[in-house]
N, C-alpha and C. Protein backbone atom coordinates (compact mmCIF):
# COMPACT_ATOMS: atom_id res chain seq x y z
N UNK A 1 -20.50 32.14 -5.04
CA UNK A 1 -19.38 31.66 -4.60
C UNK A 1 -19.67 30.63 -3.39
N UNK A 2 -20.88 30.89 -2.82
CA UNK A 2 -21.64 29.95 -1.96
C UNK A 2 -21.60 28.69 -2.62
N UNK A 3 -22.22 28.54 -4.00
CA UNK A 3 -22.43 27.46 -4.62
C UNK A 3 -21.02 26.73 -4.85
N UNK A 4 -19.83 27.47 -5.09
CA UNK A 4 -18.70 26.52 -5.21
C UNK A 4 -18.26 26.01 -3.87
N UNK A 5 -18.08 26.73 -2.85
CA UNK A 5 -17.97 26.21 -1.48
C UNK A 5 -18.64 24.93 -1.36
N UNK A 6 -20.10 24.96 -1.62
CA UNK A 6 -21.17 24.03 -1.31
C UNK A 6 -20.43 22.66 -1.82
N UNK A 7 -20.29 22.72 -3.31
CA UNK A 7 -19.90 21.56 -4.05
C UNK A 7 -18.46 21.18 -3.55
N UNK A 8 -17.70 21.84 -3.46
CA UNK A 8 -16.51 21.71 -2.50
C UNK A 8 -16.55 20.83 -1.24
N UNK A 9 -17.50 21.16 -0.34
CA UNK A 9 -17.78 20.57 0.82
C UNK A 9 -18.23 19.07 0.89
N UNK A 10 -19.43 19.14 -0.38
CA UNK A 10 -20.01 17.94 -1.03
C UNK A 10 -19.13 17.02 -1.43
N UNK A 11 -18.19 17.40 -2.49
CA UNK A 11 -17.18 16.59 -2.74
C UNK A 11 -16.03 15.99 -1.72
N UNK A 12 -15.81 16.59 -0.72
CA UNK A 12 -15.12 16.43 0.12
C UNK A 12 -15.44 15.23 1.23
N UNK A 13 -16.80 15.58 1.30
CA UNK A 13 -17.60 14.49 2.13
C UNK A 13 -17.79 13.10 1.61
N UNK A 14 -17.90 13.30 0.33
CA UNK A 14 -18.40 12.21 -0.56
C UNK A 14 -16.93 11.47 -0.65
N UNK A 15 -15.93 11.90 -1.07
CA UNK A 15 -14.72 11.40 -0.78
C UNK A 15 -14.17 10.78 0.52
N UNK A 16 -14.72 11.09 1.70
CA UNK A 16 -14.36 10.75 3.00
C UNK A 16 -15.30 9.56 3.42
N UNK A 17 -16.67 9.44 2.69
CA UNK A 17 -17.62 8.50 2.96
C UNK A 17 -17.24 7.04 1.95
N UNK A 18 -16.69 7.52 0.75
CA UNK A 18 -16.34 6.35 -0.08
C UNK A 18 -15.25 5.57 0.57
N UNK A 19 -14.34 6.27 1.43
CA UNK A 19 -13.25 5.47 1.86
C UNK A 19 -13.79 4.47 3.04
N UNK A 20 -14.74 4.74 3.39
CA UNK A 20 -15.38 3.85 4.37
C UNK A 20 -16.25 2.86 3.85
N UNK A 21 -16.56 2.91 2.54
CA UNK A 21 -17.59 1.95 2.05
C UNK A 21 -16.91 1.02 1.14
N UNK A 22 -15.67 1.00 0.88
CA UNK A 22 -14.45 -0.04 0.24
C UNK A 22 -14.08 0.69 -1.17
N UNK A 23 -13.03 1.50 -0.84
CA UNK A 23 -12.43 1.85 -2.17
C UNK A 23 -11.64 0.86 -2.85
N UNK A 24 -11.16 1.25 -4.14
CA UNK A 24 -10.16 0.14 -4.55
C UNK A 24 -9.16 0.73 -4.09
N UNK A 25 -7.65 0.02 -4.39
CA UNK A 25 -6.35 0.42 -3.89
C UNK A 25 -6.03 1.37 -4.60
N UNK A 26 -6.35 1.55 -5.79
CA UNK A 26 -5.90 2.95 -6.61
C UNK A 26 -6.82 4.14 -6.19
N UNK A 27 -8.02 3.95 -5.84
CA UNK A 27 -8.79 5.08 -5.04
C UNK A 27 -7.95 5.55 -3.92
N UNK A 28 -7.73 4.39 -3.04
CA UNK A 28 -7.03 4.67 -1.64
C UNK A 28 -5.92 5.57 -1.73
N UNK A 29 -5.07 4.98 -2.70
CA UNK A 29 -3.62 5.62 -2.95
C UNK A 29 -3.91 7.23 -3.28
N UNK A 30 -4.75 7.37 -4.16
CA UNK A 30 -4.94 8.66 -4.80
C UNK A 30 -5.47 9.66 -3.67
N UNK A 31 -6.40 9.08 -2.60
CA UNK A 31 -7.13 10.06 -1.77
C UNK A 31 -6.01 10.31 -0.71
N UNK A 32 -5.23 9.31 -0.25
CA UNK A 32 -4.30 9.53 0.70
C UNK A 32 -2.94 10.40 -0.01
N UNK A 33 -2.72 10.22 -1.24
CA UNK A 33 -1.45 11.27 -1.53
C UNK A 33 -2.29 12.59 -2.07
N UNK A 34 -3.36 12.59 -2.55
CA UNK A 34 -3.87 14.08 -2.96
C UNK A 34 -4.14 14.73 -1.15
N UNK A 35 -4.52 13.91 -0.51
CA UNK A 35 -4.54 14.62 0.90
C UNK A 35 -3.44 15.10 1.35
N UNK A 36 -2.16 14.40 1.37
CA UNK A 36 -1.19 14.69 1.88
C UNK A 36 -0.75 15.88 1.14
N UNK A 37 -0.60 16.04 -0.18
CA UNK A 37 -0.30 17.00 -1.35
C UNK A 37 -1.15 18.14 -1.10
N UNK A 38 -2.16 18.33 -0.89
CA UNK A 38 -2.89 19.38 -0.47
C UNK A 38 -3.24 20.04 0.70
N UNK A 39 -2.48 19.18 1.88
CA UNK A 39 -2.76 19.55 3.31
C UNK A 39 -4.20 19.01 3.91
N UNK A 40 -4.43 18.19 3.06
CA UNK A 40 -5.83 17.99 3.94
C UNK A 40 -5.91 16.58 4.79
N UNK A 41 -5.19 16.69 5.73
CA UNK A 41 -4.61 16.00 6.48
C UNK A 41 -5.70 14.88 7.05
N UNK A 42 -6.61 15.42 7.20
CA UNK A 42 -7.72 14.44 7.87
C UNK A 42 -8.58 13.77 6.88
N UNK A 43 -8.37 14.03 5.68
CA UNK A 43 -8.98 13.29 4.74
C UNK A 43 -7.83 12.31 4.25
N UNK A 44 -6.39 12.48 4.36
CA UNK A 44 -5.51 11.22 4.10
C UNK A 44 -5.20 10.49 5.09
N UNK A 45 -5.46 10.86 6.57
CA UNK A 45 -5.78 10.25 7.68
C UNK A 45 -6.67 8.89 7.72
N UNK A 46 -7.85 9.22 6.89
CA UNK A 46 -8.89 8.09 6.61
C UNK A 46 -7.93 6.92 6.08
N UNK A 47 -6.84 6.90 5.57
CA UNK A 47 -6.09 5.96 5.04
C UNK A 47 -4.87 5.35 5.89
N UNK A 48 -4.88 5.59 6.83
CA UNK A 48 -3.76 5.23 8.05
C UNK A 48 -4.62 4.46 9.06
N UNK A 49 -3.97 3.39 9.73
CA UNK A 49 -4.56 2.77 10.79
C UNK A 49 -5.02 3.71 11.72
N UNK A 50 -6.33 3.35 12.17
CA UNK A 50 -7.07 4.29 13.17
C UNK A 50 -6.56 4.83 14.37
N UNK A 51 -5.44 3.78 15.16
CA UNK A 51 -4.62 4.19 16.32
C UNK A 51 -3.60 5.01 15.90
N UNK A 52 -3.33 5.21 14.64
CA UNK A 52 -2.11 6.21 14.29
C UNK A 52 -2.84 7.80 13.64
N UNK A 53 -4.13 7.65 13.44
CA UNK A 53 -4.72 8.94 12.88
C UNK A 53 -4.29 10.33 13.24
N UNK A 54 -4.52 10.37 14.81
CA UNK A 54 -4.38 11.73 15.22
C UNK A 54 -2.88 12.08 15.28
N UNK A 55 -1.93 11.10 15.71
CA UNK A 55 -0.34 11.27 15.28
C UNK A 55 -0.20 11.95 14.20
N UNK A 56 -0.59 11.17 13.14
CA UNK A 56 -0.28 11.30 11.53
C UNK A 56 -0.82 12.57 11.23
N UNK A 57 -1.91 13.20 11.96
CA UNK A 57 -2.41 14.63 11.64
C UNK A 57 -1.37 15.34 12.11
N UNK A 58 -1.27 15.38 13.32
CA UNK A 58 -0.55 16.26 14.08
C UNK A 58 1.09 16.44 13.36
N UNK A 59 1.58 15.49 13.19
CA UNK A 59 2.86 15.48 12.57
C UNK A 59 2.93 15.90 11.20
N UNK A 60 1.95 15.72 10.33
CA UNK A 60 1.89 16.21 9.11
C UNK A 60 1.68 17.62 9.27
N UNK A 61 0.56 18.39 10.04
CA UNK A 61 0.61 19.71 10.14
C UNK A 61 1.63 20.29 10.72
N UNK A 62 2.42 19.63 11.62
CA UNK A 62 3.71 20.51 11.86
C UNK A 62 4.51 20.55 10.70
N UNK A 63 4.90 19.71 9.95
CA UNK A 63 5.88 19.64 9.15
C UNK A 63 5.23 20.62 7.89
N UNK A 64 3.93 20.81 7.55
CA UNK A 64 3.17 21.56 6.53
C UNK A 64 3.76 23.12 6.69
N UNK A 65 3.99 23.37 7.55
CA UNK A 65 4.56 25.11 8.37
C UNK A 65 5.90 25.39 7.08
N UNK A 66 6.65 23.97 6.83
CA UNK A 66 7.83 24.20 6.06
C UNK A 66 7.95 23.66 4.71
N UNK A 67 7.57 22.25 4.97
CA UNK A 67 7.62 21.41 3.93
C UNK A 67 6.24 21.79 2.69
N UNK A 68 6.64 21.89 1.57
CA UNK A 68 5.57 21.98 0.61
C UNK A 68 5.73 20.94 -0.54
N UNK A 69 4.66 20.05 -0.90
CA UNK A 69 4.75 19.14 -1.87
C UNK A 69 3.95 19.82 -2.85
N UNK A 70 4.83 20.32 -4.18
CA UNK A 70 4.13 20.67 -5.47
C UNK A 70 3.36 19.69 -6.37
N UNK A 71 3.93 18.46 -6.39
CA UNK A 71 3.16 17.49 -7.23
C UNK A 71 3.61 15.95 -6.74
N UNK A 72 3.04 15.03 -6.98
CA UNK A 72 3.10 13.75 -6.89
C UNK A 72 2.91 12.97 -8.11
N UNK A 73 3.56 11.66 -8.16
CA UNK A 73 3.01 10.92 -9.37
C UNK A 73 2.98 9.55 -8.79
N UNK A 74 2.19 8.64 -9.04
CA UNK A 74 1.94 7.37 -8.67
C UNK A 74 2.58 6.32 -9.81
N UNK A 75 4.07 6.09 -9.56
CA UNK A 75 4.74 5.35 -10.65
C UNK A 75 4.46 4.01 -10.81
N UNK A 76 4.01 3.14 -9.79
CA UNK A 76 3.80 2.00 -9.92
C UNK A 76 2.83 1.44 -8.55
N UNK A 77 2.12 0.43 -8.98
CA UNK A 77 1.28 -0.24 -7.99
C UNK A 77 1.59 -1.94 -8.18
N UNK A 78 2.18 -2.34 -7.01
CA UNK A 78 2.58 -3.66 -7.28
C UNK A 78 2.05 -4.51 -6.15
N UNK A 79 0.68 -5.38 -6.62
CA UNK A 79 -0.26 -6.05 -5.71
C UNK A 79 0.70 -7.58 -5.28
N UNK A 80 0.88 -7.80 -4.20
CA UNK A 80 1.58 -8.73 -3.43
C UNK A 80 0.40 -10.02 -3.22
N UNK A 81 -0.76 -9.43 -3.07
CA UNK A 81 -2.10 -10.16 -2.89
C UNK A 81 -3.24 -9.54 -3.07
N UNK A 82 -4.28 -10.00 -2.78
CA UNK A 82 -5.36 -9.36 -3.03
C UNK A 82 -5.52 -8.36 -1.47
N UNK A 83 -4.94 -8.43 -0.49
CA UNK A 83 -4.72 -7.78 0.76
C UNK A 83 -3.38 -7.02 0.86
N UNK A 84 -2.45 -7.00 0.32
CA UNK A 84 -1.09 -6.32 0.40
C UNK A 84 -0.77 -5.83 -0.83
N UNK A 85 -0.13 -4.66 -0.90
CA UNK A 85 0.42 -4.00 -1.95
C UNK A 85 1.39 -3.05 -1.50
N UNK A 86 2.26 -2.97 -2.43
CA UNK A 86 3.54 -1.68 -2.55
C UNK A 86 3.32 -1.03 -3.62
N UNK A 87 3.03 0.55 -3.19
CA UNK A 87 3.13 1.87 -4.13
C UNK A 87 4.50 2.49 -4.14
N UNK A 88 4.92 2.71 -5.44
CA UNK A 88 6.06 3.58 -5.63
C UNK A 88 5.54 5.07 -6.08
N UNK A 89 5.70 5.86 -4.99
CA UNK A 89 5.31 7.47 -5.36
C UNK A 89 6.65 8.38 -5.53
N UNK A 90 6.59 9.26 -6.76
CA UNK A 90 7.60 10.19 -6.78
C UNK A 90 6.77 11.48 -6.47
N UNK A 91 7.81 12.44 -5.69
CA UNK A 91 7.19 13.68 -5.18
C UNK A 91 8.09 14.59 -5.39
N UNK A 92 7.64 15.98 -5.55
CA UNK A 92 8.45 16.92 -5.63
C UNK A 92 8.20 17.83 -4.75
N UNK A 93 8.92 18.38 -3.86
CA UNK A 93 8.98 19.15 -2.95
C UNK A 93 9.98 20.42 -2.55
N UNK A 94 9.60 20.97 -1.56
CA UNK A 94 10.60 22.09 -1.05
C UNK A 94 10.32 22.54 0.17
N UNK A 95 11.22 23.14 0.88
CA UNK A 95 11.20 23.64 2.37
C UNK A 95 10.94 25.41 1.97
N UNK A 96 10.05 25.81 2.53
CA UNK A 96 10.10 27.23 2.13
C UNK A 96 10.96 28.16 2.77
N UNK A 97 11.62 27.69 3.75
CA UNK A 97 13.15 28.17 4.28
C UNK A 97 13.95 28.32 3.52
N UNK A 98 14.12 27.36 2.44
CA UNK A 98 15.10 27.10 1.62
C UNK A 98 14.85 27.80 -0.07
N UNK A 99 13.56 26.93 -0.20
CA UNK A 99 13.09 27.47 -1.70
C UNK A 99 13.54 26.45 -2.78
N UNK A 100 14.34 25.33 -2.59
CA UNK A 100 15.20 24.44 -3.62
C UNK A 100 14.00 23.31 -3.88
N UNK A 101 13.88 23.14 -5.01
CA UNK A 101 12.93 22.22 -5.32
C UNK A 101 13.75 20.82 -5.48
N UNK A 102 13.14 19.86 -4.69
CA UNK A 102 13.78 18.55 -4.64
C UNK A 102 12.84 17.40 -5.41
N UNK A 103 13.58 16.43 -5.38
CA UNK A 103 12.53 15.01 -5.78
C UNK A 103 13.11 13.90 -4.94
N UNK A 104 12.00 13.00 -4.75
CA UNK A 104 12.24 11.96 -3.82
C UNK A 104 11.02 10.84 -4.20
N UNK A 105 11.65 9.76 -4.20
CA UNK A 105 10.60 8.82 -4.24
C UNK A 105 10.47 7.91 -3.09
N UNK A 106 9.39 7.33 -2.53
CA UNK A 106 8.96 6.63 -1.71
C UNK A 106 8.26 5.16 -2.19
N UNK A 107 8.60 4.21 -1.23
CA UNK A 107 7.54 3.28 -1.46
C UNK A 107 6.63 3.13 -0.05
N UNK A 108 5.63 3.00 -0.49
CA UNK A 108 4.24 2.71 0.36
C UNK A 108 3.83 1.31 0.59
N UNK A 109 3.85 1.08 1.62
CA UNK A 109 3.38 -0.43 2.01
C UNK A 109 1.56 -0.09 2.50
N UNK A 110 0.76 -1.00 1.60
CA UNK A 110 -0.69 -1.04 1.99
C UNK A 110 -1.06 -2.16 2.23
N UNK A 111 -2.23 -2.26 3.20
CA UNK A 111 -2.95 -3.58 3.52
C UNK A 111 -4.34 -3.29 3.54
N UNK A 112 -4.80 -4.15 3.03
CA UNK A 112 -6.52 -4.00 3.27
C UNK A 112 -7.22 -4.44 4.36
N UNK A 113 -8.04 -3.69 5.05
CA UNK A 113 -8.53 -4.18 6.29
C UNK A 113 -10.14 -4.11 6.06
N UNK A 114 -10.88 -5.15 6.01
CA UNK A 114 -12.20 -5.04 5.60
C UNK A 114 -12.19 -4.65 4.28
N UNK A 115 -12.96 -3.66 4.19
CA UNK A 115 -13.27 -3.11 2.56
C UNK A 115 -12.45 -2.09 2.54
N UNK A 116 -11.56 -1.34 3.31
CA UNK A 116 -10.86 -0.26 3.57
C UNK A 116 -9.17 -0.64 3.38
N UNK A 117 -8.60 0.09 2.51
CA UNK A 117 -7.13 0.06 2.31
C UNK A 117 -6.31 0.91 3.30
N UNK A 118 -5.46 0.66 3.93
CA UNK A 118 -4.67 1.58 4.99
C UNK A 118 -3.13 1.63 4.31
N UNK A 119 -2.70 2.62 4.38
CA UNK A 119 -1.22 2.86 3.99
C UNK A 119 -0.60 2.61 5.59
N UNK A 120 0.32 1.59 5.65
CA UNK A 120 0.90 1.40 7.02
C UNK A 120 2.06 1.48 7.05
N UNK A 121 2.99 1.90 5.99
CA UNK A 121 4.35 2.10 6.11
C UNK A 121 4.51 2.83 4.86
N UNK A 122 5.94 3.66 4.98
CA UNK A 122 6.40 4.54 4.10
C UNK A 122 7.76 4.76 4.23
N UNK A 123 8.79 4.72 3.45
CA UNK A 123 10.07 5.04 3.64
C UNK A 123 10.57 5.40 2.23
N UNK A 124 11.66 6.44 2.15
CA UNK A 124 12.29 6.97 1.00
C UNK A 124 13.04 5.45 0.32
N UNK A 125 12.72 5.63 -0.98
CA UNK A 125 13.18 4.39 -2.03
C UNK A 125 14.48 5.32 -2.64
N UNK A 126 14.42 6.29 -3.15
CA UNK A 126 15.39 7.07 -3.87
C UNK A 126 15.19 8.78 -3.84
N UNK A 127 16.50 9.23 -4.35
CA UNK A 127 16.52 10.92 -4.18
C UNK A 127 16.71 11.38 -2.85
N UNK A 128 16.42 12.54 -2.74
CA UNK A 128 16.80 13.39 -1.43
C UNK A 128 16.23 12.84 -0.25
N UNK A 129 16.88 12.89 0.72
CA UNK A 129 15.91 12.79 2.12
C UNK A 129 14.99 13.84 2.20
N UNK A 130 13.79 13.20 2.97
CA UNK A 130 12.53 14.19 2.78
C UNK A 130 11.96 14.23 4.17
N UNK A 131 11.60 15.39 4.77
CA UNK A 131 10.85 15.37 6.23
C UNK A 131 9.86 14.79 6.33
N UNK A 132 9.60 13.72 7.36
CA UNK A 132 8.43 12.93 7.50
C UNK A 132 8.61 11.49 6.98
N UNK A 133 9.71 11.37 5.93
CA UNK A 133 9.69 10.02 5.27
C UNK A 133 10.76 9.13 6.11
N UNK A 134 10.67 8.01 6.52
CA UNK A 134 11.85 7.09 7.33
C UNK A 134 12.59 6.76 6.23
N UNK A 135 13.94 6.78 6.72
CA UNK A 135 14.82 5.88 5.69
C UNK A 135 14.73 4.56 5.55
N UNK A 136 15.03 4.14 4.51
CA UNK A 136 14.91 2.55 4.24
C UNK A 136 15.89 1.61 5.11
N UNK A 137 15.45 0.58 5.80
CA UNK A 137 16.14 -0.26 6.54
C UNK A 137 16.65 -1.47 5.59
N UNK A 138 17.70 -1.71 5.15
CA UNK A 138 18.26 -2.45 4.08
C UNK A 138 17.58 -2.27 2.60
N UNK A 139 17.32 -3.25 2.08
CA UNK A 139 16.78 -3.22 0.73
C UNK A 139 15.50 -3.05 0.77
N UNK A 140 14.70 -2.05 -0.12
CA UNK A 140 13.42 -2.41 -0.15
C UNK A 140 12.83 -3.58 -0.38
N UNK A 141 11.68 -4.07 -0.26
CA UNK A 141 10.92 -5.14 -0.58
C UNK A 141 10.00 -4.76 -1.79
N UNK A 142 10.31 -5.71 -2.97
CA UNK A 142 9.35 -5.41 -4.16
C UNK A 142 9.78 -4.43 -4.84
N UNK A 143 9.16 -4.19 -6.02
CA UNK A 143 9.32 -3.38 -6.94
C UNK A 143 10.92 -3.22 -7.62
N UNK A 144 11.61 -4.22 -7.58
CA UNK A 144 12.91 -4.43 -7.94
C UNK A 144 13.38 -3.73 -6.97
N UNK A 145 14.02 -4.43 -5.82
CA UNK A 145 14.64 -3.84 -4.99
C UNK A 145 16.12 -2.71 -5.46
N UNK A 146 16.10 -1.72 -4.95
CA UNK A 146 17.41 -0.91 -5.25
C UNK A 146 17.58 -0.05 -4.14
N UNK A 147 18.87 0.05 -3.88
CA UNK A 147 19.16 0.86 -2.94
C UNK A 147 19.08 2.44 -3.08
N UNK A 148 18.99 2.91 -2.06
CA UNK A 148 18.79 4.54 -2.09
C UNK A 148 20.11 5.21 -2.72
N UNK A 149 20.02 6.41 -3.65
CA UNK A 149 20.96 6.96 -4.05
C UNK A 149 22.09 7.36 -3.06
N UNK A 150 23.12 7.56 -3.15
CA UNK A 150 24.25 8.20 -2.44
C UNK A 150 24.21 9.34 -2.80
N UNK A 151 24.56 10.38 -1.76
CA UNK A 151 24.76 11.96 -2.02
C UNK A 151 25.50 12.39 -3.37
N UNK A 152 26.29 11.20 -3.85
CA UNK A 152 27.15 11.80 -4.97
C UNK A 152 26.35 11.39 -6.18
N UNK A 153 25.29 10.39 -6.26
CA UNK A 153 24.74 9.79 -7.14
C UNK A 153 23.41 10.81 -7.41
N UNK A 154 23.01 11.68 -6.43
CA UNK A 154 21.62 12.23 -6.74
C UNK A 154 21.79 13.63 -7.42
């Protein structure tokens, strides 16, 4: 049992260390979304701008008392340049207080700062409104702009 715990701690530390030495965009996207999915918010926070990390962790931890993400898929990574990208994510989630499984897609905006990719903005793209996700302002940019589904379309 101790050996398993030790391996898990080493893997977590290796993941944090690799984010600081310059991950690829795909690695950063996976580490961030895995961190959010598994409620490892300090791991996910490595991929948000430093000034926002404490607030990100606090807000994510507050939401995690009711919001549970059961899975996520990276649907598309669209590189605008070698320093900017838009990522489309599909999440399945539920509120413990309701127990109803929902699906939401979001668009994440990523920027490269030095050797590190940061997720700088995220908004709902389509599907159910989700706690913690901003509602889109106008049409999303990139990935074939599409209006969110109305309540009758969902």
